[in-house]
């Protein structure tokens, strides 16, 4: 993955500039696929063709963080310091390999990113351009989640499933079961959106919510107001 980062963000990599990034990536991926697939050469070619687009979209993720976080001083700070870049680099590469039918490696990549960032994104999930995660620890994005363009999640957000079906042999059926977020959706911290629900475009979903229903476009969903209880006396509790 350091080779891919070098190819996309060469000025922010420790790899020597005299190394041919594309050839190094091709060689590394070829050797990894050779042990698990017979048609690895064709997949390597397709991945190399997709690499410029992966880089373009990843740069939109960086731009989204710069646009959404006033604490950012410059794009380099995002690339070097923000967990979003690591997790999205791993995810966007893994998602491409997943779409090409590569077994195990896509999940291995996203689990590496998960262990290093605390952000868990399944490689099968679909995430559009200009995606931003602020802070990020505890974010979970399930396999059949669909996220549009210009969406932002805060720490602790879960896009999960409510339940799943089983076949006649008792095995879980892999069918759409995670949320759809349309374009320009913001979800604040520690909110769980569960099931195949649709959050319409330009919605703001507040923090600490448990959401299991569709939300129409341009809505704002907030938790109920807090209730102030008179001062406790004599060791009383809730």
Protein backbone atom coordinates (compact mmCIF):
# COMPACT_ATOMS: atom_id res chain seq x y z
CA UNK A 1 0.00 0.00 0.00
CA UNK A 2 2.95 2.30 0.49
CA UNK A 3 3.66 1.89 -3.22
CA UNK A 4 0.11 2.96 -4.10
CA UNK A 5 0.39 5.93 -1.76
CA UNK A 6 3.70 6.81 -3.42
CA UNK A 7 2.03 6.71 -6.83
CA UNK A 8 -0.91 8.90 -5.71
CA UNK A 9 0.86 11.24 -3.26
CA UNK A 10 4.55 11.04 -4.25
CA UNK A 11 5.53 14.19 -2.36
CA UNK A 12 4.27 12.65 0.90
CA UNK A 13 5.99 9.27 0.66
CA UNK A 14 9.28 8.00 2.05
CA UNK A 15 9.87 5.81 -1.00
CA UNK A 16 12.81 7.10 -3.12
CA UNK A 17 11.71 9.07 -6.15
CA UNK A 18 13.87 6.99 -8.50
CA UNK A 19 11.57 3.99 -8.01
CA UNK A 20 9.05 3.39 -10.81
CA UNK A 21 5.87 3.22 -8.76
CA UNK A 22 3.65 1.66 -11.41
CA UNK A 23 6.09 -1.14 -12.18
CA UNK A 24 6.65 -1.80 -8.48
CA UNK A 25 2.89 -2.01 -7.88
CA UNK A 26 2.46 -4.32 -10.89
CA UNK A 27 5.25 -6.62 -9.67
CA UNK A 28 4.00 -6.73 -6.08
CA UNK A 29 0.36 -7.37 -7.02
CA UNK A 30 1.34 -10.00 -9.58
CA UNK A 31 3.31 -11.98 -7.00
CA UNK A 32 0.46 -11.82 -4.48
CA UNK A 33 -2.20 -12.91 -6.97
CA UNK A 34 -0.06 -15.73 -8.36
CA UNK A 35 -0.52 -17.69 -5.15
CA UNK A 36 -4.35 -17.53 -5.12
CA UNK A 37 -5.58 -17.07 -8.73
CA UNK A 38 -4.92 -18.46 -12.18
CA UNK A 39 -5.98 -15.34 -14.12
CA UNK A 40 -3.98 -12.90 -12.02
CA UNK A 41 -2.21 -11.24 -14.97
CA UNK A 42 -5.48 -9.98 -16.44
CA UNK A 43 -6.60 -8.62 -13.08
CA UNK A 44 -3.28 -6.82 -12.60
CA UNK A 45 -3.76 -5.11 -15.98
CA UNK A 46 -7.28 -4.02 -15.04
CA UNK A 47 -6.15 -2.74 -11.67
CA UNK A 48 -3.35 -0.71 -13.22
CA UNK A 49 -5.88 0.82 -15.63
CA UNK A 50 -8.08 1.76 -12.66
CA UNK A 51 -5.27 3.22 -10.55
CA UNK A 52 -5.46 6.79 -11.94
CA UNK A 53 -9.18 6.91 -11.15
CA UNK A 54 -8.51 5.59 -7.63
CA UNK A 55 -6.02 8.43 -7.18
CA UNK A 56 -8.43 11.03 -8.54
CA UNK A 57 -11.24 9.97 -6.20
CA UNK A 58 -8.92 9.74 -3.21
CA UNK A 59 -7.87 13.32 -3.85
CA UNK A 60 -11.54 14.35 -3.70
CA UNK A 61 -11.70 12.75 -0.23
CA UNK A 62 -8.76 14.90 0.84
CA UNK A 63 -10.50 17.95 -0.60
CA UNK A 64 -13.67 17.09 1.30
CA UNK A 65 -11.83 17.08 4.62
CA UNK A 66 -10.17 20.41 3.81
CA UNK A 67 -13.60 21.85 2.99
CA UNK A 68 -15.34 20.46 6.09
CA UNK A 69 -12.76 20.89 8.85
CA UNK A 70 -11.70 24.46 9.75
CA UNK A 71 -8.81 23.01 11.79
CA UNK A 72 -7.04 21.88 8.61
CA UNK A 73 -4.16 24.10 7.55
CA UNK A 74 -3.43 22.53 4.15
CA UNK A 75 -4.05 19.30 2.16
CA UNK A 76 -0.66 17.95 3.20
CA UNK A 77 -1.81 17.90 6.82
CA UNK A 78 -4.78 15.75 5.83
CA UNK A 79 -2.63 13.34 3.82
CA UNK A 80 -0.02 12.94 6.54
CA UNK A 81 -2.11 13.12 9.71
CA UNK A 82 -5.76 12.24 9.17
CA UNK A 83 -6.93 8.61 9.51
CA UNK A 84 -9.38 9.17 6.66
CA UNK A 85 -6.59 9.07 4.07
CA UNK A 86 -5.18 5.75 5.27
CA UNK A 87 -8.55 4.05 5.57
CA UNK A 88 -9.83 5.38 2.23
CA UNK A 89 -6.58 4.50 0.45
CA UNK A 90 -6.96 0.93 1.68
CA UNK A 91 -10.71 0.88 1.05
CA UNK A 92 -10.61 2.29 -2.49
CA UNK A 93 -7.88 -0.17 -3.52
CA UNK A 94 -9.71 -3.03 -1.81
CA UNK A 95 -13.02 -2.05 -3.41
CA UNK A 96 -11.43 -2.11 -6.85
CA UNK A 97 -9.87 -5.54 -6.24
CA UNK A 98 -13.17 -6.80 -4.80
CA UNK A 99 -14.96 -5.71 -7.96
CA UNK A 100 -12.36 -7.58 -10.02
CA UNK A 101 -13.16 -10.78 -8.14
CA UNK A 102 -10.00 -11.04 -6.07
CA UNK A 103 -10.57 -13.25 -2.99
CA UNK A 104 -9.42 -12.51 0.57
CA UNK A 105 -6.97 -9.70 -0.24
CA UNK A 106 -9.64 -6.93 -0.27
CA UNK A 107 -10.87 -7.92 3.18
CA UNK A 108 -7.31 -8.28 4.43
CA UNK A 109 -6.56 -4.71 3.33
CA UNK A 110 -9.60 -3.17 4.99
CA UNK A 111 -8.94 -5.09 8.19
CA UNK A 112 -5.39 -3.71 8.24
CA UNK A 113 -6.83 -0.22 7.96
CA UNK A 114 -9.38 -1.05 10.64
CA UNK A 115 -6.67 -2.14 13.07
CA UNK A 116 -4.68 1.05 12.46
CA UNK A 117 -7.50 3.60 12.39
CA UNK A 118 -10.47 2.12 14.26
CA UNK A 119 -12.57 2.63 11.11
CA UNK A 120 -14.21 -0.53 9.72
CA UNK A 121 -15.28 -0.34 6.05
CA UNK A 122 -16.20 -3.50 4.18
CA UNK A 123 -14.57 -3.58 0.72
CA UNK A 124 -17.93 -4.34 -0.92
CA UNK A 125 -19.49 -1.07 0.28
CA UNK A 126 -20.01 1.62 -2.36
CA UNK A 127 -18.74 5.11 -1.44
CA UNK A 128 -18.89 8.11 -3.75
CA UNK A 129 -16.53 11.02 -4.31
CA UNK A 130 -15.72 13.73 -1.76
CA UNK A 131 -16.23 11.44 1.24
CA UNK A 132 -15.11 12.69 4.64
CA UNK A 133 -14.82 11.16 8.09
CA UNK A 134 -13.95 13.45 10.98
CA UNK A 135 -12.07 11.82 13.88
CA UNK A 136 -13.33 8.42 12.79
CA UNK A 137 -12.80 5.99 15.65
CA UNK A 138 -15.62 3.47 15.81
CA UNK A 139 -17.11 4.12 12.36
CA UNK A 140 -18.57 0.95 10.81
CA UNK A 141 -19.78 0.74 7.21
CA UNK A 142 -21.39 -2.57 6.26
CA UNK A 143 -20.90 -4.55 3.07
CA UNK A 144 -24.03 -3.50 1.19
CA UNK A 145 -23.97 0.14 2.26
CA UNK A 146 -24.28 2.73 -0.50
CA UNK A 147 -22.96 6.25 0.15
CA UNK A 148 -23.36 9.05 -2.37
CA UNK A 149 -21.15 12.04 -3.10
CA UNK A 150 -20.20 14.75 -0.59
CA UNK A 151 -21.19 12.76 2.50
CA UNK A 152 -19.62 13.14 5.92
CA UNK A 153 -19.60 10.85 8.95
CA UNK A 154 -18.37 11.57 12.46
CA UNK A 155 -16.89 9.16 14.98
CA UNK A 156 -18.93 6.22 16.19
CA UNK A 157 -21.35 6.13 13.25
CA UNK A 158 -22.63 2.69 12.28
CA UNK A 159 -24.22 1.88 8.93
CA UNK A 160 -25.35 -1.61 9.83
CA UNK A 161 -27.96 -4.31 9.28
CA UNK A 162 -30.97 -4.98 11.48
CA UNK A 163 -31.14 -8.66 10.64
CA UNK A 164 -30.45 -11.09 7.81
CA UNK A 165 -32.12 -14.10 6.20
CA UNK A 166 -30.92 -17.70 5.98
CA UNK A 167 -31.11 -20.21 3.16
CA UNK A 168 -32.43 -23.76 3.45
CA UNK A 169 -29.09 -24.91 4.85
CA UNK A 170 -29.10 -22.24 7.53
CA UNK A 171 -26.42 -20.07 5.95
CA UNK A 172 -26.83 -16.27 5.92
CA UNK A 173 -28.01 -14.84 2.58
CA UNK A 174 -25.90 -12.00 1.24
CA UNK A 175 -28.50 -9.49 0.07
CA UNK A 176 -28.88 -5.69 0.46
CA UNK A 177 -29.32 -5.06 4.18
CA UNK A 178 -27.40 -1.87 4.96
CA UNK A 179 -28.39 1.80 4.54
CA UNK A 180 -28.32 4.00 1.44
CA UNK A 181 -27.10 7.56 1.97
CA UNK A 182 -27.83 9.86 -0.94
CA UNK A 183 -25.63 12.85 -1.84
CA UNK A 184 -24.75 15.57 0.69
CA UNK A 185 -25.68 13.68 3.85
CA UNK A 186 -24.03 14.39 7.20
CA UNK A 187 -24.30 11.93 10.10
CA UNK A 188 -23.09 13.07 13.50
CA UNK A 189 -21.31 11.03 16.15
CA UNK A 190 -22.51 7.78 17.72
CA UNK A 191 -25.55 7.38 15.50
CA UNK A 192 -26.59 3.95 14.23
CA UNK A 193 -28.54 3.74 10.96
CA UNK A 194 -29.69 0.16 10.53
CA UNK A 195 -31.36 -1.83 7.76
CA UNK A 196 -31.95 -1.13 4.09
CA UNK A 197 -33.24 2.37 4.73
CA UNK A 198 -32.72 5.39 2.49
CA UNK A 199 -31.49 8.71 3.83
CA UNK A 200 -32.42 11.34 1.26
CA UNK A 201 -30.05 13.87 -0.21
CA UNK A 202 -29.03 16.93 1.82
CA UNK A 203 -30.10 15.41 5.15
CA UNK A 204 -28.48 16.12 8.50
CA UNK A 205 -28.72 13.26 10.99
CA UNK A 206 -27.92 14.29 14.54
CA UNK A 207 -25.82 12.42 17.08
CA UNK A 208 -26.72 9.56 19.42
CA UNK A 209 -29.64 8.31 17.34
CA UNK A 210 -30.97 4.84 16.55
CA UNK A 211 -32.49 5.17 13.08
CA UNK A 212 -34.34 2.33 11.31
CA UNK A 213 -36.61 4.15 8.86
CA UNK A 214 -36.32 6.16 5.64
CA UNK A 215 -35.72 9.88 5.87
CA UNK A 216 -36.94 12.20 3.08
CA UNK A 217 -34.50 14.56 1.34
CA UNK A 218 -33.47 17.83 2.99
CA UNK A 219 -34.53 16.67 6.46
CA UNK A 220 -32.90 17.25 9.82
CA UNK A 221 -33.26 14.46 12.37
CA UNK A 222 -32.40 15.22 16.01
CA UNK A 223 -32.78 13.38 19.29
CA UNK A 224 -35.44 14.45 21.75
CA UNK A 225 -34.58 17.31 24.05
CA UNK A 226 -32.92 16.35 27.30
CA UNK A 227 -35.07 16.36 30.44
CA UNK A 228 -33.65 18.09 33.50
CA UNK A 229 -34.38 16.28 36.76
CA UNK A 230 -34.35 18.16 40.08
CA UNK A 231 -31.26 17.75 42.20
CA UNK A 232 -30.86 14.28 43.66
CA UNK A 233 -30.98 14.02 47.43
CA UNK A 234 -29.86 11.43 49.97
CA UNK A 235 -28.00 9.30 47.49
CA UNK A 236 -30.96 8.85 45.14
CA UNK A 237 -30.25 7.72 41.60
CA UNK A 238 -32.08 7.54 38.31
